[in-house]
Amino acid sequence: MRFVLELVALVCFGLWAWTSAPAPLRYGCVVAVPLFVAVLWGAFATPDDASRSGRTVIATPGPLRFLLELAVFFGAAAALYAARSHALAVTLAGVLVVYHLLSWDRVLWLLRH
């Protein structure tokens, strides 16, 4: 489920880039913005995180990683809202709240590491 939400987040950033960028730059921005988010997402990780390989490029404390995850996930909902997809943005935000409540054990693990 988490992987699907990550892919949805990247698509949301791409949609926002498409609607926000000037016409000549749209195609480049649609690729660059999600790629930038994905690189940040992948580089900053908490060592020994079971939801990942356990390896990391930049070792990040769990609470900081949790804030990064919230920024990416809920930033995707905000990007949808900014792209004038209000109903989808609110739906995604609701799904994200439910997801984080159901994955409370991972959230607590991150906050402790």
C-alpha atoms as a PDB file:
ATOM      1  CA  MET A   1       0.000   0.000   0.000  1.00  0.00           C
ATOM      2  CA  ARG A   2       2.792   2.371   0.900  1.00  0.00           C
ATOM      3  CA  PHE A   3       4.502   1.860  -2.455  1.00  0.00           C
ATOM      4  CA  VAL A   4       1.251   2.699  -4.252  1.00  0.00           C
ATOM      5  CA  LEU A   5       0.899   5.870  -2.164  1.00  0.00           C
ATOM      6  CA  GLU A   6       4.471   6.833  -3.034  1.00  0.00           C
ATOM      7  CA  LEU A   7       3.733   6.418  -6.745  1.00  0.00           C
ATOM      8  CA  VAL A   8       0.510   8.408  -6.381  1.00  0.00           C
ATOM      9  CA  ALA A   9       2.477  11.186  -4.657  1.00  0.00           C
ATOM     10  CA  LEU A  10       4.943  11.390  -7.536  1.00  0.00           C
ATOM     11  CA  VAL A  11       2.093  11.515 -10.054  1.00  0.00           C
ATOM     12  CA  CYS A  12       0.461  14.318  -8.063  1.00  0.00           C
ATOM     13  CA  PHE A  13       3.657  16.365  -8.171  1.00  0.00           C
ATOM     14  CA  GLY A  14       3.855  15.752 -11.903  1.00  0.00           C
ATOM     15  CA  LEU A  15       0.257  16.882 -12.386  1.00  0.00           C
ATOM     16  CA  TRP A  16       0.958  20.016 -10.390  1.00  0.00           C
ATOM     17  CA  ALA A  17       4.060  20.694 -12.495  1.00  0.00           C
ATOM     18  CA  TRP A  18       2.003  20.280 -15.678  1.00  0.00           C
ATOM     19  CA  THR A  19      -0.665  22.755 -14.555  1.00  0.00           C
ATOM     20  CA  SER A  20       1.768  25.261 -13.043  1.00  0.00           C
ATOM     21  CA  ALA A  21       4.619  25.427 -15.532  1.00  0.00           C
ATOM     22  CA  PRO A  22       4.554  27.660 -18.600  1.00  0.00           C
ATOM     23  CA  ALA A  23       3.691  25.762 -21.786  1.00  0.00           C
ATOM     24  CA  PRO A  24       7.242  25.528 -23.193  1.00  0.00           C
ATOM     25  CA  LEU A  25       8.578  24.064 -19.927  1.00  0.00           C
ATOM     26  CA  ARG A  26       5.735  21.654 -19.099  1.00  0.00           C
ATOM     27  CA  TYR A  27       7.296  18.466 -20.408  1.00  0.00           C
ATOM     28  CA  GLY A  28      10.563  19.097 -18.624  1.00  0.00           C
ATOM     29  CA  CYS A  29       8.869  20.045 -15.373  1.00  0.00           C
ATOM     30  CA  VAL A  30       6.621  16.982 -15.459  1.00  0.00           C
ATOM     31  CA  VAL A  31       9.773  14.866 -15.372  1.00  0.00           C
ATOM     32  CA  ALA A  32      12.010  17.074 -13.215  1.00  0.00           C
ATOM     33  CA  VAL A  33       9.685  17.780 -10.284  1.00  0.00           C
ATOM     34  CA  PRO A  34       8.737  14.152  -9.483  1.00  0.00           C
ATOM     35  CA  LEU A  35      12.335  13.082 -10.092  1.00  0.00           C
ATOM     36  CA  PHE A  36      13.586  15.703  -7.624  1.00  0.00           C
ATOM     37  CA  VAL A  37      11.053  14.537  -5.021  1.00  0.00           C
ATOM     38  CA  ALA A  38      11.976  10.879  -5.622  1.00  0.00           C
ATOM     39  CA  VAL A  39      15.694  11.580  -5.210  1.00  0.00           C
ATOM     40  CA  LEU A  40      15.109  13.384  -1.911  1.00  0.00           C
ATOM     41  CA  TRP A  41      12.741  10.642  -0.819  1.00  0.00           C
ATOM     42  CA  GLY A  42      15.295   7.946  -1.565  1.00  0.00           C
ATOM     43  CA  ALA A  43      18.400   9.681  -0.272  1.00  0.00           C
ATOM     44  CA  PHE A  44      17.218  10.510   3.238  1.00  0.00           C
ATOM     45  CA  ALA A  45      16.388   7.352   5.158  1.00  0.00           C
ATOM     46  CA  THR A  46      16.620   5.985   8.659  1.00  0.00           C
ATOM     47  CA  PRO A  47      19.158   3.160   8.953  1.00  0.00           C
ATOM     48  CA  ASP A  48      17.617  -0.295   9.527  1.00  0.00           C
ATOM     49  CA  ASP A  49      14.162   0.832   8.389  1.00  0.00           C
ATOM     50  CA  ALA A  50      12.357  -2.457   7.710  1.00  0.00           C
ATOM     51  CA  SER A  51      10.117  -0.826   5.104  1.00  0.00           C
ATOM     52  CA  ARG A  52      13.224  -0.156   3.002  1.00  0.00           C
ATOM     53  CA  SER A  53      16.371  -2.139   2.333  1.00  0.00           C
ATOM     54  CA  GLY A  54      17.779  -0.917   5.629  1.00  0.00           C
ATOM     55  CA  ARG A  55      20.498   0.940   3.743  1.00  0.00           C
ATOM     56  CA  THR A  56      20.648   4.674   3.234  1.00  0.00           C
ATOM     57  CA  VAL A  57      22.581   7.310   1.344  1.00  0.00           C
ATOM     58  CA  ILE A  58      22.137   9.970   4.026  1.00  0.00           C
ATOM     59  CA  ALA A  59      21.420   8.603   7.494  1.00  0.00           C
ATOM     60  CA  THR A  60      18.439  10.494   8.830  1.00  0.00           C
ATOM     61  CA  PRO A  61      16.985  10.356  12.340  1.00  0.00           C
ATOM     62  CA  GLY A  62      13.561   8.734  12.422  1.00  0.00           C
ATOM     63  CA  PRO A  63      11.614  11.843  13.464  1.00  0.00           C
ATOM     64  CA  LEU A  64      13.160  13.834  10.620  1.00  0.00           C
ATOM     65  CA  ARG A  65      12.379  11.022   8.166  1.00  0.00           C
ATOM     66  CA  PHE A  66       8.779  10.987   9.409  1.00  0.00           C
ATOM     67  CA  LEU A  67       8.520  14.738   8.778  1.00  0.00           C
ATOM     68  CA  LEU A  68       9.928  14.200   5.286  1.00  0.00           C
ATOM     69  CA  GLU A  69       7.331  11.500   4.625  1.00  0.00           C
ATOM     70  CA  LEU A  70       4.539  13.765   5.828  1.00  0.00           C
ATOM     71  CA  ALA A  71       5.870  16.568   3.637  1.00  0.00           C
ATOM     72  CA  VAL A  72       5.960  14.333   0.563  1.00  0.00           C
ATOM     73  CA  PHE A  73       2.608  12.621   1.114  1.00  0.00           C
ATOM     74  CA  PHE A  74       0.603  15.624   2.243  1.00  0.00           C
ATOM     75  CA  GLY A  75       2.567  17.866  -0.118  1.00  0.00           C
ATOM     76  CA  ALA A  76       1.192  15.650  -2.887  1.00  0.00           C
ATOM     77  CA  ALA A  77      -2.334  16.315  -1.646  1.00  0.00           C
ATOM     78  CA  ALA A  78      -1.564  20.042  -1.559  1.00  0.00           C
ATOM     79  CA  ALA A  79      -0.142  19.800  -5.078  1.00  0.00           C
ATOM     80  CA  LEU A  80      -3.388  18.196  -6.255  1.00  0.00           C
ATOM     81  CA  TYR A  81      -5.345  20.960  -4.591  1.00  0.00           C
ATOM     82  CA  ALA A  82      -3.150  23.591  -6.257  1.00  0.00           C
ATOM     83  CA  ALA A  83      -3.746  21.838  -9.586  1.00  0.00           C
ATOM     84  CA  ARG A  84      -7.474  22.463  -9.033  1.00  0.00           C
ATOM     85  CA  SER A  85      -8.307  18.829  -8.289  1.00  0.00           C
ATOM     86  CA  HIS A  86      -9.919  19.683  -4.973  1.00  0.00           C
ATOM     87  CA  ALA A  87     -12.034  16.560  -4.480  1.00  0.00           C
ATOM     88  CA  LEU A  88      -9.102  14.272  -5.273  1.00  0.00           C
ATOM     89  CA  ALA A  89      -6.849  16.263  -2.953  1.00  0.00           C
ATOM     90  CA  VAL A  90      -9.252  15.946  -0.036  1.00  0.00           C
ATOM     91  CA  THR A  91      -9.734  12.242  -0.774  1.00  0.00           C
ATOM     92  CA  LEU A  92      -5.983  11.651  -0.880  1.00  0.00           C
ATOM     93  CA  ALA A  93      -5.511  13.542   2.392  1.00  0.00           C
ATOM     94  CA  GLY A  94      -8.177  11.359   4.007  1.00  0.00           C
ATOM     95  CA  VAL A  95      -6.548   8.183   2.708  1.00  0.00           C
ATOM     96  CA  LEU A  96      -3.196   9.381   4.031  1.00  0.00           C
ATOM     97  CA  VAL A  97      -4.603  10.047   7.492  1.00  0.00           C
ATOM     98  CA  VAL A  98      -6.141   6.558   7.592  1.00  0.00           C
ATOM     99  CA  TYR A  99      -2.918   5.002   6.277  1.00  0.00           C
ATOM    100  CA  HIS A 100      -0.801   6.695   8.944  1.00  0.00           C
ATOM    101  CA  LEU A 101      -3.250   5.713  11.682  1.00  0.00           C
ATOM    102  CA  LEU A 102      -3.173   2.083  10.524  1.00  0.00           C
ATOM    103  CA  SER A 103       0.628   2.078  10.311  1.00  0.00           C
ATOM    104  CA  TRP A 104       1.041   3.468  13.807  1.00  0.00           C
ATOM    105  CA  ASP A 105       3.687   0.849  14.613  1.00  0.00           C
ATOM    106  CA  ARG A 106       5.974   2.184  11.862  1.00  0.00           C
ATOM    107  CA  VAL A 107       5.307   5.769  12.912  1.00  0.00           C
ATOM    108  CA  LEU A 108       6.282   4.936  16.490  1.00  0.00           C
ATOM    109  CA  TRP A 109       9.399   3.106  15.250  1.00  0.00           C
ATOM    110  CA  LEU A 110      10.456   6.179  13.297  1.00  0.00           C
ATOM    111  CA  LEU A 111       9.828   8.497  16.229  1.00  0.00           C
ATOM    112  CA  ARG A 112      12.009   6.291  18.453  1.00  0.00           C
ATOM    113  CA  HIS A 113      14.930   6.014  16.049  1.00  0.00           C
END
